[in-house]
Every structure is written in C-alpha cells, then in structure tokens.
Amino acid sequence: MKMMRAHRTYRTHRTHRKTQNVIFFKGKVQPGQKVLINGAGGGSGSFAVQPAKCFDAEVTGVDGTEKLDMMRSIGADHVIDYTQEDFIRRR
C-alpha cells in the first residue's frame, strides 16, 4: 500500500514538473504577458498559476463556480466561470 502512495506522489510530481516546464520553457512567459489557464482550479492548473505569477504575467483562470475563490487565493488576476460564460467567445 505504501508503495502505491509513493508511486502516485511521484506521478503527481512528474505531472507538475511537466506543467512547470511548459510555462517556463515552451510558453516563454514574460512579465506583463497575458496567460489564460483553462482548468486553473484543478491539480496541474493550479500549479500553473503560481509560476506564471512569479514571472509577473497577468493570469486569467478558467474553471467552475466552486473553484473561483480558490483561483483568486492562489494569485489569478481574473477568473472566469465556464458554467456561466463562454470564455472562448469573450473578447
């Protein structure tokens, strides 16, 4: 049982590391850049908000109603409730 938990923890860490690499290296986030994180209230999404904020990006998080406060608390500048608004068509 303990090995399974350790394996899950390792997998979670690996997933978070991939998210971080996408933000830093592939996304090349720059200060002042606007970043939209779909699923920002979830596991990897919430992990993406904080590094983006460390680069002084303007972060918009997208998720459901129950996660809006959490996204604000971890640093999202703007939050969108996808159950209330079609964020793809938003300008």
Protein backbone atom coordinates (compact mmCIF):
# COMPACT_ATOMS: atom_id res chain seq x y z
CA MET A 1 0.00 0.00 0.00
CA LYS A 2 2.77 2.46 0.84
CA MET A 3 4.48 1.80 -2.48
CA MET A 4 1.28 2.69 -4.32
CA ARG A 5 1.06 6.00 -2.48
CA ALA A 6 4.70 6.77 -3.20
CA HIS A 7 4.13 5.93 -6.86
CA ARG A 8 1.09 8.24 -7.01
CA THR A 9 3.09 11.00 -5.36
CA TYR A 10 5.90 10.55 -7.88
CA ARG A 11 3.44 10.61 -10.77
CA THR A 12 1.83 13.78 -9.42
CA HIS A 13 5.23 15.42 -9.01
CA ARG A 14 6.17 14.44 -12.57
CA THR A 15 2.92 15.93 -13.91
CA HIS A 16 3.51 19.18 -12.02
CA ARG A 17 7.07 19.30 -13.33
CA LYS A 18 5.80 18.96 -16.90
CA THR A 19 3.35 21.80 -16.31
CA GLN A 20 6.13 23.97 -14.96
CA ASN A 21 8.35 23.18 -17.96
CA VAL A 22 5.59 24.15 -20.38
CA ILE A 23 5.16 27.51 -18.66
CA PHE A 24 8.84 28.31 -18.38
CA PHE A 25 10.41 26.84 -21.48
CA LYS A 26 7.73 26.31 -24.12
CA GLY A 27 5.45 29.18 -23.17
CA LYS A 28 8.33 31.61 -22.58
CA VAL A 29 6.18 33.66 -20.22
CA GLN A 30 7.34 37.26 -19.99
CA PRO A 31 6.47 40.00 -17.46
CA GLY A 32 3.16 41.63 -18.36
CA GLN A 33 2.15 38.84 -20.73
CA LYS A 34 -1.46 37.67 -20.52
CA VAL A 35 -1.84 33.98 -19.69
CA LEU A 36 -5.10 32.02 -19.84
CA ILE A 37 -5.11 28.81 -17.80
CA ASN A 38 -8.04 26.54 -18.55
CA GLY A 39 -8.75 24.32 -15.53
CA ALA A 40 -6.82 26.64 -13.20
CA GLY A 41 -8.69 25.28 -10.19
CA GLY A 42 -7.53 21.71 -10.76
CA GLY A 43 -4.30 19.95 -9.85
CA SER A 44 -1.99 20.91 -12.69
CA GLY A 45 -3.90 24.08 -13.49
CA SER A 46 -3.49 25.49 -10.01
CA PHE A 47 0.18 24.59 -10.14
CA ALA A 48 0.48 26.63 -13.36
CA VAL A 49 -0.96 29.82 -11.86
CA GLN A 50 1.79 30.39 -9.31
CA PRO A 51 4.85 30.14 -11.60
CA ALA A 52 3.12 32.35 -14.16
CA LYS A 53 2.58 34.95 -11.42
CA CYS A 54 6.25 34.64 -10.44
CA PHE A 55 7.06 35.84 -13.96
CA ASP A 56 4.72 38.81 -13.39
CA ALA A 57 2.25 37.58 -16.01
CA GLU A 58 -1.39 38.67 -15.92
CA VAL A 59 -3.18 35.40 -15.21
CA THR A 60 -6.77 34.56 -16.07
CA GLY A 61 -8.01 31.29 -14.61
CA VAL A 62 -10.95 29.34 -16.04
CA ASP A 63 -12.91 26.77 -14.03
CA GLY A 64 -16.29 26.07 -12.44
CA THR A 65 -18.17 28.16 -9.90
CA GLU A 66 -16.95 26.23 -6.86
CA LYS A 67 -13.28 26.95 -7.67
CA LEU A 68 -13.36 30.70 -8.33
CA ASP A 69 -12.35 31.77 -4.81
CA MET A 70 -9.52 29.25 -4.72
CA MET A 71 -8.14 30.56 -8.04
CA ARG A 72 -8.17 34.10 -6.66
CA SER A 73 -6.47 32.94 -3.47
CA ILE A 74 -3.54 31.41 -5.37
CA GLY A 75 -2.99 34.56 -7.40
CA ALA A 76 -5.18 34.61 -10.51
CA ASP A 77 -5.79 38.22 -11.55
CA HIS A 78 -9.03 37.36 -13.31
CA VAL A 79 -11.32 34.36 -13.05
CA ILE A 80 -13.92 33.06 -15.49
CA ASP A 81 -16.69 30.66 -14.58
CA TYR A 82 -17.08 28.46 -17.64
CA THR A 83 -20.55 27.37 -16.48
CA GLN A 84 -21.77 30.98 -16.76
CA GLU A 85 -19.72 32.39 -19.62
CA ASP A 86 -18.41 31.15 -22.96
CA PHE A 87 -14.81 32.23 -22.42
CA ILE A 88 -13.79 31.21 -25.95
CA ARG A 89 -16.01 33.91 -27.44
CA ARG A 90 -15.05 36.50 -24.82
CA ARG A 91 -13.10 39.48 -26.12
